[in-house]
Amino acid sequence: MKYLMAIDAGTGSIRAVVFDSEGNQVSASQREWRHLHEEGVENSMTFDTEKNWTLVAACIRDALAKAALRGEDIAAVSATSMREGIVLYDSDGEALWGVANVDARASEEVKYLKEHFPGIEEEFYARSGQTFALGALPRLLWLKNHRPELYEKTAYISMIGDWILAKLSGVIATDPSNGGTTGIFSLSKRVWEPQMAAIVGIKEDIFPPVLEPGTVMGKVREQSAAETGLATTTKVVMGGGDVQLGSAGLGVVREGQVAILGGSFWQQVVNIKNSTTPPEDMGIRVNPHVVDTLSQAEGITFFSGLVIRWFRDAFCDKEKIEALEQGKDAYAILEEKAKEVPIGSHGIMPIFSDSMKYGRWYHAAPSFINLSIDPAVCNRASMFRSLEENACIVSAINLEKIEAFTGLSFDEIVFAGGASKGDLWCRILADVTGAVIKIPEVTEATALGAAMAAGVGAGIYESIPEAAKRLVRWQRRYEPDMENHKQYRNISRQWQEIYAAQLELTERGLTQPMWKAPGL
């Protein structure tokens, strides 16, 4: 039996997961990590490469031990990571500086670029599918302005998953799905666009080779083998971005397929041809997929999972106690109660994440509208249901925006992540979207996608789509109730009008936005 290892560098933790060649998870190890706030640097999230490498190595060793495997048993290893997070290196390939994905220190640089280069964000977005808000150009400009000694030493740039592979193999490179989120990239050609950097006064010679996911980069170096327990015979294989490899792990590898990833944030992704031009209104993000003929149109719903967790922890101590007594999850208890609440949750309208407006993106102040002082109507169950409905409604709006500019239509959605464990949430999503909802068996879709890439490099699978066809299996299926769908369309229209009014209060400075993009 051949084994594959996937290393998944998320926002809050690092994981090493071992799979067999049939896609079965053999072992996993996880370590939490925290990104550093730089003193005096507002909204900074520095990625500590030195400390975090020790965590990566510990996870690898632990995953091997849990699986009772030796390093020689791992045919290939690949990595995936949070997108937008970058690492810079000196000319010797040593890491100099890194930031995590939601580092927002470069707000002033975003404003500078927009003011001094009129129309350039729109021009770059049309080529890359990215705006400046979380891109690499403002961050590089910040480094040039505030840490010139580090900027001058910078010889290479890569993504965080690429950094892990560079530590293992000694080769610095990137792939389109992750590197594309820097915004210094061509969607159609799947290569760097160094002239974008040159135009705004950033070095244009720091961009490493671009390798497609599944490409062998080399083998594990002796030093890295000693640190991790992997063998020098283990192949190191290019991986990709977490959402794109996660899509592969869900079998979403063909044009027109759709997935909703229901985690802390919800992502709605639709596979489109890589020749598709991003929408003129810059309302949706477009990224290269891990399949070389495809891109992905992506909507994002902010904090959906985090808001549900906040509600549980802030208001639902009773359900937590019931869950302990019954040996259930508190969310399951809340869903059982919420099933008794009618569609529309007695008119309660949650105001948290707006639908995606990628070009000018900010949210209203968090709130609930239409609360009642009748406890039979307004209670934990009805408010909980309203939050589940709202996450689905905002996701559906984002998908409608993608339909509008791609011309695609779809009647089936793959739903994964923690939210897909909830029976009620799945049923609501089917009714809100009017689509069949499919729930995969796999619980580690992102890691499985990285293992697919490793398996391609090891010669186990012909391609990532072939691996997806072979490995992805299904657990449940939900058919939409079209009468409920009609009701939810009316609720969605009402919610959009209410949200617009709440957003106006934020624009007037009367309320504080839940989040706004750097540079606004």
Protein backbone atom coordinates (compact mmCIF):
# COMPACT_ATOMS: atom_id res chain seq x y z
CA MET A 1 0.00 0.00 0.00
CA LYS A 2 1.27 3.47 -0.92
CA TYR A 3 0.63 6.37 1.42
CA LEU A 4 0.35 10.09 0.77
CA MET A 5 0.74 13.04 3.11
CA ALA A 6 -1.11 16.33 2.91
CA ILE A 7 -0.04 19.37 4.90
CA ASP A 8 -2.82 21.90 5.40
CA ALA A 9 -1.76 25.36 6.61
CA GLY A 10 -4.96 27.07 7.71
CA THR A 11 -5.53 30.46 9.27
CA GLY A 12 -5.68 29.07 12.79
CA SER A 13 -3.77 25.80 12.66
CA ILE A 14 -1.43 23.50 10.77
CA ARG A 15 -2.40 19.89 10.03
CA ALA A 16 -0.58 16.88 8.63
CA VAL A 17 -2.90 14.17 7.31
CA VAL A 18 -1.94 10.74 5.98
CA PHE A 19 -4.12 9.02 3.37
CA ASP A 20 -3.86 5.68 1.64
CA SER A 21 -4.07 5.51 -2.14
CA GLU A 22 -7.84 4.90 -1.97
CA GLY A 23 -8.45 8.22 -0.21
CA ASN A 24 -8.99 6.76 3.25
CA GLN A 25 -7.65 8.90 6.09
CA VAL A 26 -5.10 6.96 8.11
CA SER A 27 -3.98 9.56 10.66
CA ALA A 28 -3.88 13.28 11.35
CA SER A 29 -2.08 15.66 13.64
CA GLN A 30 -2.88 19.30 14.31
CA ARG A 31 -1.20 22.21 16.07
CA GLU A 32 -2.78 25.63 16.60
CA TRP A 33 -0.74 28.64 15.61
CA ARG A 34 -1.21 32.33 16.18
CA HIS A 35 -0.11 35.14 13.93
CA LEU A 36 1.77 37.99 15.52
CA HIS A 37 0.57 41.54 15.87
CA GLU A 38 3.49 43.86 15.19
CA GLU A 39 3.73 46.56 17.81
CA GLY A 40 2.74 49.88 16.31
CA VAL A 41 1.43 48.30 13.09
CA GLU A 42 -2.34 48.43 13.02
CA ASN A 43 -4.18 45.35 11.67
CA SER A 44 -0.94 43.39 11.24
CA MET A 45 -0.79 39.57 11.25
CA THR A 46 2.83 38.50 10.82
CA PHE A 47 3.52 34.88 9.91
CA ASP A 48 6.33 33.55 12.13
CA THR A 49 8.24 31.23 9.78
CA GLU A 50 10.77 30.08 12.37
CA LYS A 51 8.30 29.08 15.07
CA ASN A 52 5.72 27.78 12.63
CA TRP A 53 8.20 25.46 10.92
CA THR A 54 8.71 23.68 14.27
CA LEU A 55 4.93 23.17 14.40
CA VAL A 56 4.85 21.84 10.84
CA ALA A 57 7.65 19.37 11.59
CA ALA A 58 5.96 18.26 14.82
CA CYS A 59 2.68 17.57 12.99
CA ILE A 60 4.48 15.50 10.36
CA ARG A 61 6.30 13.41 12.96
CA ASP A 62 3.13 12.92 14.98
CA ALA A 63 1.02 11.92 11.95
CA LEU A 64 3.63 9.31 11.00
CA ALA A 65 3.70 7.96 14.54
CA LYS A 66 -0.10 7.76 14.78
CA ALA A 67 -0.21 5.85 11.49
CA ALA A 68 2.65 3.55 12.63
CA LEU A 69 4.46 4.43 9.40
CA ARG A 70 8.05 5.25 8.57
CA GLY A 71 9.07 8.13 6.37
CA GLU A 72 9.87 5.63 3.60
CA ASP A 73 6.20 4.61 3.54
CA ILE A 74 5.13 8.06 2.31
CA ALA A 75 5.37 8.06 -1.48
CA ALA A 76 4.75 11.79 -1.82
CA VAL A 77 3.85 14.87 0.19
CA SER A 78 2.06 18.03 -0.90
CA ALA A 79 0.76 21.15 0.82
CA THR A 80 -2.17 23.52 0.73
CA SER A 81 -2.63 26.77 2.58
CA MET A 82 -4.76 29.79 3.33
CA ARG A 83 -4.63 31.96 0.26
CA GLU A 84 -3.26 35.54 0.16
CA GLY A 85 -0.69 34.77 2.89
CA ILE A 86 2.81 35.39 1.52
CA VAL A 87 6.42 34.64 2.45
CA LEU A 88 9.45 36.58 1.19
CA TYR A 89 12.96 35.10 0.88
CA ASP A 90 16.51 36.34 0.50
CA SER A 91 18.86 35.30 -2.30
CA ASP A 92 19.89 32.17 -0.33
CA GLY A 93 16.28 31.00 -0.11
CA GLU A 94 15.94 31.81 3.59
CA ALA A 95 12.61 33.22 4.74
CA LEU A 96 12.76 36.93 5.57
CA TRP A 97 9.20 37.96 6.32
CA GLY A 98 5.67 36.64 6.02
CA VAL A 99 2.07 37.69 6.64
CA ALA A 100 -1.09 35.67 7.13
CA ASN A 101 -4.06 35.92 4.81
CA VAL A 102 -6.13 38.61 6.53
CA ASP A 103 -3.21 40.89 7.39
CA ALA A 104 -4.60 44.36 6.69
CA ARG A 105 -1.65 46.60 7.50
CA ALA A 106 -1.48 48.05 3.98
CA SER A 107 -4.67 50.13 4.08
CA GLU A 108 -2.81 53.36 3.31
CA GLU A 109 -0.95 51.70 0.44
CA VAL A 110 -4.25 50.55 -1.03
CA LYS A 111 -5.48 54.15 -0.91
CA TYR A 112 -2.19 55.36 -2.44
CA LEU A 113 -2.43 52.97 -5.37
CA LYS A 114 -6.03 53.96 -6.09
CA GLU A 115 -5.31 57.69 -5.88
CA HIS A 116 -1.98 57.78 -7.77
CA PHE A 117 -2.81 55.19 -10.42
CA PRO A 118 -6.40 55.92 -11.45
CA GLY A 119 -8.13 52.95 -13.05
CA ILE A 120 -5.26 50.57 -12.33
CA GLU A 121 -7.19 48.40 -9.87
CA GLU A 122 -9.91 47.87 -12.49
CA GLU A 123 -7.27 47.07 -15.14
CA PHE A 124 -5.46 44.60 -12.89
CA TYR A 125 -8.73 43.02 -11.75
CA ALA A 126 -9.74 42.34 -15.36
CA ARG A 127 -6.51 40.36 -15.80
CA SER A 128 -6.13 38.76 -12.39
CA GLY A 129 -9.63 38.52 -10.90
CA GLN A 130 -8.34 40.17 -7.69
CA THR A 131 -8.71 43.58 -6.10
CA PHE A 132 -6.04 45.30 -3.99
CA ALA A 133 -7.70 44.67 -0.60
CA LEU A 134 -5.94 41.37 0.21
CA GLY A 135 -3.43 41.33 -2.64
CA ALA A 136 0.36 41.30 -2.44
CA LEU A 137 1.14 44.60 -4.17
CA PRO A 138 0.00 46.89 -1.30
CA ARG A 139 1.82 44.67 1.22
CA LEU A 140 5.04 44.79 -0.80
CA LEU A 141 4.66 48.55 -1.05
CA TRP A 142 4.17 48.72 2.73
CA LEU A 143 7.39 46.75 3.21
CA LYS A 144 9.24 49.07 0.85
CA ASN A 145 7.96 52.11 2.77
CA HIS A 146 8.32 50.81 6.34
CA ARG A 147 10.94 48.01 6.29
CA PRO A 148 13.26 49.05 3.45
CA GLU A 149 16.11 46.84 4.70
CA LEU A 150 13.92 43.73 4.35
CA TYR A 151 12.54 44.90 1.02
CA GLU A 152 16.03 45.33 -0.43
CA LYS A 153 17.00 41.80 0.63
CA THR A 154 13.88 40.28 -0.96
CA ALA A 155 14.77 37.97 -3.85
CA TYR A 156 11.67 35.70 -4.05
CA ILE A 157 8.01 35.65 -3.09
CA SER A 158 5.75 32.65 -2.57
CA MET A 159 2.62 31.59 -0.73
CA ILE A 160 2.58 29.91 2.69
CA GLY A 161 1.89 26.43 1.31
CA ASP A 162 4.77 26.95 -1.12
CA TRP A 163 7.01 27.89 1.82
CA ILE A 164 6.34 24.49 3.42
CA LEU A 165 7.25 22.74 0.17
CA ALA A 166 10.37 24.92 -0.15
CA LYS A 167 11.43 23.93 3.38
CA LEU A 168 11.03 20.27 2.42
CA SER A 169 12.57 20.33 -1.07
CA GLY A 170 14.74 23.44 -1.25
CA VAL A 171 12.78 24.61 -4.32
CA ILE A 172 10.88 27.91 -4.25
CA ALA A 173 7.92 27.92 -6.65
CA THR A 174 4.20 28.56 -6.66
CA ASP A 175 1.08 27.26 -8.39
CA PRO A 176 -1.66 29.25 -10.14
CA SER A 177 -4.47 28.55 -7.67
CA ASN A 178 -2.60 30.01 -4.69
CA GLY A 179 -0.20 32.40 -6.43
CA GLY A 180 -3.13 33.84 -8.36
CA THR A 181 -4.54 35.31 -5.15
CA THR A 182 -1.62 37.77 -4.99
CA GLY A 183 -3.29 39.70 -7.82
CA ILE A 184 0.03 39.82 -9.73
CA PHE A 185 -1.11 37.05 -12.03
CA SER A 186 -2.86 36.26 -15.30
CA LEU A 187 -6.04 34.24 -15.02
CA SER A 188 -6.00 33.15 -18.64
CA LYS A 189 -2.27 32.39 -18.95
CA ARG A 190 -1.78 31.06 -15.38
CA VAL A 191 1.56 32.86 -14.98
CA TRP A 192 2.94 35.83 -13.05
CA GLU A 193 2.46 39.31 -14.50
CA PRO A 194 5.67 41.02 -13.25
CA GLN A 195 4.88 44.21 -15.16
CA MET A 196 2.02 44.82 -12.71
CA ALA A 197 4.65 45.15 -9.99
CA ALA A 198 6.94 47.29 -12.14
CA ILE A 199 4.17 49.78 -12.95
CA VAL A 200 3.66 50.62 -9.26
CA GLY A 201 7.37 50.66 -8.39
CA ILE A 202 7.80 47.15 -6.99
CA LYS A 203 10.59 44.74 -7.93
CA GLU A 204 9.69 42.67 -10.98
CA ASP A 205 12.40 40.00 -10.61
CA ILE A 206 11.17 38.30 -7.42
CA PHE A 207 8.65 35.92 -8.96
CA PRO A 208 9.60 32.21 -8.86
CA PRO A 209 8.63 29.46 -11.34
CA VAL A 210 4.94 28.55 -11.64
CA LEU A 211 4.21 24.83 -11.47
CA GLU A 212 0.84 23.18 -11.94
CA PRO A 213 -0.53 21.21 -8.95
CA GLY A 214 0.72 17.64 -9.09
CA THR A 215 4.14 18.59 -10.48
CA VAL A 216 7.11 16.94 -8.74
CA MET A 217 9.42 19.59 -7.26
CA GLY A 218 12.07 17.20 -5.98
CA LYS A 219 12.55 15.01 -2.94
CA VAL A 220 12.78 15.73 0.78
CA ARG A 221 16.17 17.20 1.71
CA GLU A 222 18.33 15.46 4.29
CA GLN A 223 17.97 18.25 6.86
CA SER A 224 14.20 18.33 6.44
CA ALA A 225 14.03 14.54 6.64
CA ALA A 226 15.85 14.68 9.98
CA GLU A 227 13.46 17.35 11.26
CA THR A 228 10.21 15.76 10.08
CA GLY A 229 10.77 12.00 9.95
CA LEU A 230 10.04 11.90 6.23
CA ALA A 231 12.50 10.07 3.98
CA THR A 232 14.78 11.47 1.32
CA THR A 233 12.94 9.14 -1.08
CA THR A 234 9.62 10.95 -0.48
CA LYS A 235 8.61 13.12 -3.44
CA VAL A 236 7.68 16.74 -2.79
CA VAL A 237 4.79 17.75 -5.05
CA MET A 238 3.29 21.16 -5.83
CA GLY A 239 -0.07 21.72 -4.13
CA GLY A 240 -2.43 24.70 -4.28
CA GLY A 241 -4.89 27.02 -2.58
CA ASP A 242 -7.11 25.63 0.16
CA VAL A 243 -10.46 26.40 -1.46
CA GLN A 244 -9.41 25.11 -4.88
CA LEU A 245 -7.86 21.90 -3.57
CA GLY A 246 -10.82 21.59 -1.23
CA SER A 247 -13.06 21.76 -4.29
CA ALA A 248 -11.07 18.92 -5.86
CA GLY A 249 -11.51 16.96 -2.63
CA LEU A 250 -15.26 17.41 -3.12
CA GLY A 251 -15.20 16.27 -6.75
CA VAL A 252 -15.82 19.79 -8.09
CA VAL A 253 -13.41 19.59 -11.03
CA ARG A 254 -15.58 20.14 -14.14
CA GLU A 255 -16.96 23.31 -15.71
CA GLY A 256 -20.28 24.40 -14.21
CA GLN A 257 -19.93 22.45 -10.98
CA VAL A 258 -20.73 24.34 -7.78
CA ALA A 259 -19.68 24.01 -4.15
CA ILE A 260 -20.46 25.84 -0.95
CA LEU A 261 -17.84 25.45 1.77
CA GLY A 262 -19.54 26.15 5.08
CA GLY A 263 -16.85 26.97 7.62
CA SER A 264 -16.01 30.06 9.67
CA PHE A 265 -16.54 31.99 6.42
CA TRP A 266 -18.71 30.51 3.67
CA GLN A 267 -17.29 30.32 0.16
CA GLN A 268 -19.47 29.77 -2.89
CA VAL A 269 -17.41 28.56 -5.86
CA VAL A 270 -18.40 27.88 -9.46
CA ASN A 271 -16.03 26.32 -11.99
CA ILE A 272 -15.73 28.42 -15.16
CA LYS A 273 -13.47 28.40 -18.22
CA ASN A 274 -10.19 30.16 -17.58
CA SER A 275 -10.87 32.36 -20.60
CA THR A 276 -13.91 33.89 -18.85
CA THR A 277 -13.44 37.62 -18.20
CA PRO A 278 -14.24 38.77 -14.65
CA PRO A 279 -17.38 40.96 -14.30
CA GLU A 280 -17.02 44.68 -15.00
CA ASP A 281 -18.58 45.66 -11.66
CA MET A 282 -15.80 43.80 -9.78
CA GLY A 283 -18.50 42.21 -7.64
CA ILE A 284 -17.08 38.68 -7.56
CA ARG A 285 -13.61 37.30 -7.06
CA VAL A 286 -12.15 35.01 -9.76
CA ASN A 287 -9.26 32.61 -9.04
CA PRO A 288 -7.35 30.01 -11.05
CA HIS A 289 -8.52 26.48 -10.21
CA VAL A 290 -6.20 23.50 -9.65
CA VAL A 291 -7.47 22.14 -12.98
CA ASP A 292 -5.48 23.96 -15.68
CA THR A 293 -8.43 24.67 -18.00
CA LEU A 294 -10.59 26.19 -15.29
CA SER A 295 -10.96 29.21 -13.07
CA GLN A 296 -13.37 29.59 -10.16
CA ALA A 297 -15.80 32.41 -9.59
CA GLU A 298 -16.00 32.85 -5.84
CA GLY A 299 -18.42 34.53 -3.51
CA ILE A 300 -17.62 34.91 0.18
CA THR A 301 -20.03 35.25 3.09
CA PHE A 302 -18.22 36.67 6.10
CA PHE A 303 -18.31 35.06 9.55
CA SER A 304 -21.31 32.73 8.97
CA GLY A 305 -19.84 29.95 11.09
CA LEU A 306 -18.32 32.33 13.61
CA VAL A 307 -21.64 34.12 14.09
CA ILE A 308 -23.41 30.83 14.80
CA ARG A 309 -20.69 29.95 17.33
CA TRP A 310 -20.98 33.41 18.93
CA PHE A 311 -24.76 32.97 19.25
CA ARG A 312 -24.36 29.52 20.82
CA ASP A 313 -21.76 30.70 23.33
CA ALA A 314 -23.43 34.01 24.17
CA PHE A 315 -27.05 32.87 24.57
CA CYS A 316 -27.41 29.09 24.59
CA ASP A 317 -26.07 27.82 27.92
CA LYS A 318 -29.34 25.87 28.40
CA GLU A 319 -28.81 23.99 25.12
CA LYS A 320 -25.20 23.30 26.06
CA ILE A 321 -26.35 21.67 29.29
CA GLU A 322 -29.01 19.66 27.44
CA ALA A 323 -26.37 18.53 24.95
CA LEU A 324 -24.12 17.26 27.75
CA GLU A 325 -27.01 15.44 29.39
CA GLN A 326 -28.10 13.80 26.12
CA GLY A 327 -24.63 13.14 24.71
CA LYS A 328 -25.32 15.35 21.70
CA ASP A 329 -23.79 18.45 20.12
CA ALA A 330 -25.34 21.76 21.21
CA TYR A 331 -25.90 22.67 17.55
CA ALA A 332 -27.96 19.50 17.11
CA ILE A 333 -30.15 20.51 20.07
CA LEU A 334 -30.62 23.99 18.62
CA GLU A 335 -31.49 22.59 15.20
CA GLU A 336 -34.12 20.28 16.72
CA LYS A 337 -35.79 23.30 18.31
CA ALA A 338 -35.37 25.46 15.19
CA LYS A 339 -37.18 22.85 13.06
CA GLU A 340 -40.36 23.86 14.90
CA VAL A 341 -39.95 27.48 13.78
CA PRO A 342 -41.74 28.40 10.52
CA ILE A 343 -39.94 29.54 7.37
CA GLY A 344 -38.77 33.12 7.76
CA SER A 345 -38.20 32.80 11.52
CA HIS A 346 -41.20 35.04 12.34
CA GLY A 347 -39.71 37.86 10.27
CA ILE A 348 -36.39 38.11 12.12
CA MET A 349 -33.72 39.54 9.81
CA PRO A 350 -30.05 39.08 10.82
CA ILE A 351 -27.66 41.82 9.68
CA PHE A 352 -24.14 40.45 9.53
CA SER A 353 -22.40 39.65 6.23
CA ASP A 354 -23.52 41.48 3.11
CA SER A 355 -23.52 39.74 -0.23
CA MET A 356 -20.16 40.06 -1.97
CA LYS A 357 -19.20 43.44 -3.40
CA TYR A 358 -15.55 42.73 -4.10
CA GLY A 359 -14.69 46.12 -5.58
CA ARG A 360 -16.00 48.14 -2.63
CA TRP A 361 -16.54 45.80 0.25
CA TYR A 362 -17.78 46.60 3.73
CA HIS A 363 -20.54 45.45 6.04
CA ALA A 364 -23.24 47.03 8.15
CA ALA A 365 -23.14 46.91 11.94
CA PRO A 366 -24.10 43.46 13.32
CA SER A 367 -27.71 43.38 14.44
CA PHE A 368 -31.08 41.60 14.39
CA ILE A 369 -34.06 43.42 12.86
CA ASN A 370 -37.75 42.69 13.56
CA LEU A 371 -37.27 41.24 17.02
CA SER A 372 -40.47 40.73 19.00
CA ILE A 373 -41.06 41.00 22.74
CA ASP A 374 -43.34 37.95 22.51
CA PRO A 375 -41.15 35.10 23.86
CA ALA A 376 -43.18 32.53 21.94
CA VAL A 377 -42.11 34.24 18.70
CA CYS A 378 -38.69 35.66 19.46
CA ASN A 379 -36.51 33.17 21.29
CA ARG A 380 -33.26 31.24 20.88
CA ALA A 381 -34.78 28.77 18.42
CA SER A 382 -36.21 31.42 16.08
CA MET A 383 -33.06 33.56 16.21
CA PHE A 384 -30.88 30.50 15.59
CA ARG A 385 -33.00 29.51 12.59
CA SER A 386 -32.83 33.06 11.24
CA LEU A 387 -29.02 32.86 11.26
CA GLU A 388 -29.04 29.55 9.37
CA GLU A 389 -31.51 30.96 6.85
CA ASN A 390 -29.47 34.13 6.41
CA ALA A 391 -26.21 32.29 5.65
CA CYS A 392 -28.06 30.40 2.92
CA ILE A 393 -29.76 33.52 1.55
CA VAL A 394 -26.49 35.47 1.24
CA SER A 395 -24.86 32.44 -0.41
CA ALA A 396 -27.71 32.23 -2.90
CA ILE A 397 -27.36 35.94 -3.75
CA ASN A 398 -23.65 35.44 -4.42
CA LEU A 399 -24.41 32.47 -6.67
CA GLU A 400 -26.99 34.56 -8.55
CA LYS A 401 -24.28 37.17 -9.21
CA ILE A 402 -22.02 34.46 -10.60
CA GLU A 403 -24.82 33.14 -12.79
CA ALA A 404 -25.40 36.65 -14.14
CA PHE A 405 -21.88 37.19 -15.47
CA THR A 406 -21.04 33.62 -16.52
CA GLY A 407 -24.34 32.65 -18.13
CA LEU A 408 -24.12 29.33 -16.31
CA SER A 409 -27.07 27.77 -14.53
CA PHE A 410 -26.92 24.96 -12.02
CA ASP A 411 -29.34 22.74 -10.18
CA GLU A 412 -26.90 20.84 -7.94
CA ILE A 413 -24.57 22.08 -5.20
CA VAL A 414 -21.94 20.21 -3.20
CA PHE A 415 -22.09 21.36 0.43
CA ALA A 416 -19.20 20.67 2.80
CA GLY A 417 -17.57 21.95 5.96
CA GLY A 418 -18.88 22.06 9.51
CA ALA A 419 -22.23 23.56 8.50
CA SER A 420 -23.04 20.54 6.31
CA LYS A 421 -23.28 18.36 9.44
CA GLY A 422 -26.55 20.06 10.32
CA ASP A 423 -29.62 18.36 8.83
CA LEU A 424 -31.76 21.50 9.07
CA TRP A 425 -29.07 23.73 7.55
CA CYS A 426 -28.80 21.40 4.55
CA ARG A 427 -32.57 21.41 4.06
CA ILE A 428 -32.73 25.19 4.30
CA LEU A 429 -29.91 25.52 1.75
CA ALA A 430 -31.79 23.27 -0.69
CA ASP A 431 -34.99 25.29 -0.28
CA VAL A 432 -33.28 28.70 -0.48
CA THR A 433 -31.25 27.88 -3.61
CA GLY A 434 -33.80 25.61 -5.28
CA ALA A 435 -30.96 23.17 -5.97
CA VAL A 436 -30.22 19.59 -4.97
CA ILE A 437 -27.69 19.59 -2.12
CA LYS A 438 -25.11 16.77 -2.04
CA ILE A 439 -23.09 16.03 1.10
CA PRO A 440 -19.79 14.17 0.63
CA GLU A 441 -18.48 11.50 2.97
CA VAL A 442 -15.08 13.12 3.31
CA THR A 443 -14.54 15.36 6.33
CA GLU A 444 -11.08 16.56 5.23
CA ALA A 445 -11.78 17.81 1.70
CA THR A 446 -8.89 20.28 1.59
CA ALA A 447 -6.37 17.75 2.83
CA LEU A 448 -7.79 15.12 0.46
CA GLY A 449 -7.32 17.55 -2.44
CA ALA A 450 -3.68 18.03 -1.43
CA ALA A 451 -3.28 14.25 -1.20
CA MET A 452 -4.69 14.00 -4.74
CA ALA A 453 -1.97 16.39 -5.93
CA ALA A 454 0.65 14.30 -4.11
CA GLY A 455 -0.78 11.16 -5.71
CA VAL A 456 -0.53 12.67 -9.19
CA GLY A 457 3.14 13.42 -8.52
CA ALA A 458 3.68 9.89 -7.22
CA GLY A 459 2.12 8.41 -10.36
CA ILE A 460 -0.83 6.92 -8.46
CA TYR A 461 -3.42 9.05 -10.27
CA GLU A 462 -3.32 10.28 -13.85
CA SER A 463 -4.70 13.72 -12.94
CA ILE A 464 -6.56 15.57 -10.19
CA PRO A 465 -9.95 15.14 -11.99
CA GLU A 466 -9.24 11.41 -12.35
CA ALA A 467 -8.37 11.19 -8.67
CA ALA A 468 -11.56 13.05 -7.73
CA LYS A 469 -13.67 10.66 -9.80
CA ARG A 470 -12.01 7.72 -8.08
CA LEU A 471 -12.00 8.92 -4.48
CA VAL A 472 -15.02 11.16 -3.79
CA ARG A 473 -18.02 9.39 -2.25
CA TRP A 474 -21.42 10.74 -1.15
CA GLN A 475 -23.21 10.54 2.17
CA ARG A 476 -26.56 12.38 1.83
CA ARG A 477 -28.74 14.22 -0.68
CA TYR A 478 -31.43 16.88 -0.17
CA GLU A 479 -34.13 17.77 -2.70
CA PRO A 480 -35.53 21.32 -2.62
CA ASP A 481 -39.15 22.11 -1.73
CA MET A 482 -40.05 24.58 -4.48
CA GLU A 483 -42.95 26.11 -2.52
CA ASN A 484 -40.50 26.93 0.25
CA HIS A 485 -38.13 28.26 -2.41
CA LYS A 486 -40.74 30.82 -3.52
CA GLN A 487 -41.12 32.05 0.06
CA TYR A 488 -37.37 32.36 0.50
CA ARG A 489 -37.05 34.43 -2.68
CA ASN A 490 -39.46 36.98 -1.17
CA ILE A 491 -37.58 36.93 2.12
CA SER A 492 -34.31 37.46 0.24
CA ARG A 493 -35.68 40.56 -1.52
CA GLN A 494 -36.87 42.01 1.80
CA TRP A 495 -33.53 41.29 3.45
CA GLN A 496 -31.60 43.07 0.68
CA GLU A 497 -33.69 46.22 1.13
CA ILE A 498 -33.28 46.14 4.91
CA TYR A 499 -29.52 45.55 4.63
CA ALA A 500 -29.14 48.52 2.29
CA ALA A 501 -30.84 50.73 4.86
CA GLN A 502 -28.60 49.44 7.64
CA LEU A 503 -25.53 50.00 5.46
CA GLU A 504 -26.58 53.63 5.03
CA LEU A 505 -26.35 54.10 8.80
CA THR A 506 -22.77 52.83 8.68
CA GLU A 507 -21.95 55.16 5.78
CA ARG A 508 -23.23 58.10 7.84
CA GLY A 509 -20.94 57.12 10.72
CA LEU A 510 -23.83 56.32 13.05
CA THR A 511 -22.94 52.63 13.39
CA GLN A 512 -19.68 50.68 13.15
CA PRO A 513 -19.15 48.25 10.24
CA MET A 514 -18.63 44.60 11.10
CA TRP A 515 -15.70 44.64 8.63
CA LYS A 516 -14.42 46.74 5.80
CA ALA A 517 -11.69 46.12 3.25
CA PRO A 518 -8.33 47.88 3.59
CA GLY A 519 -8.22 51.19 1.78
CA LEU A 520 -11.90 52.10 2.21
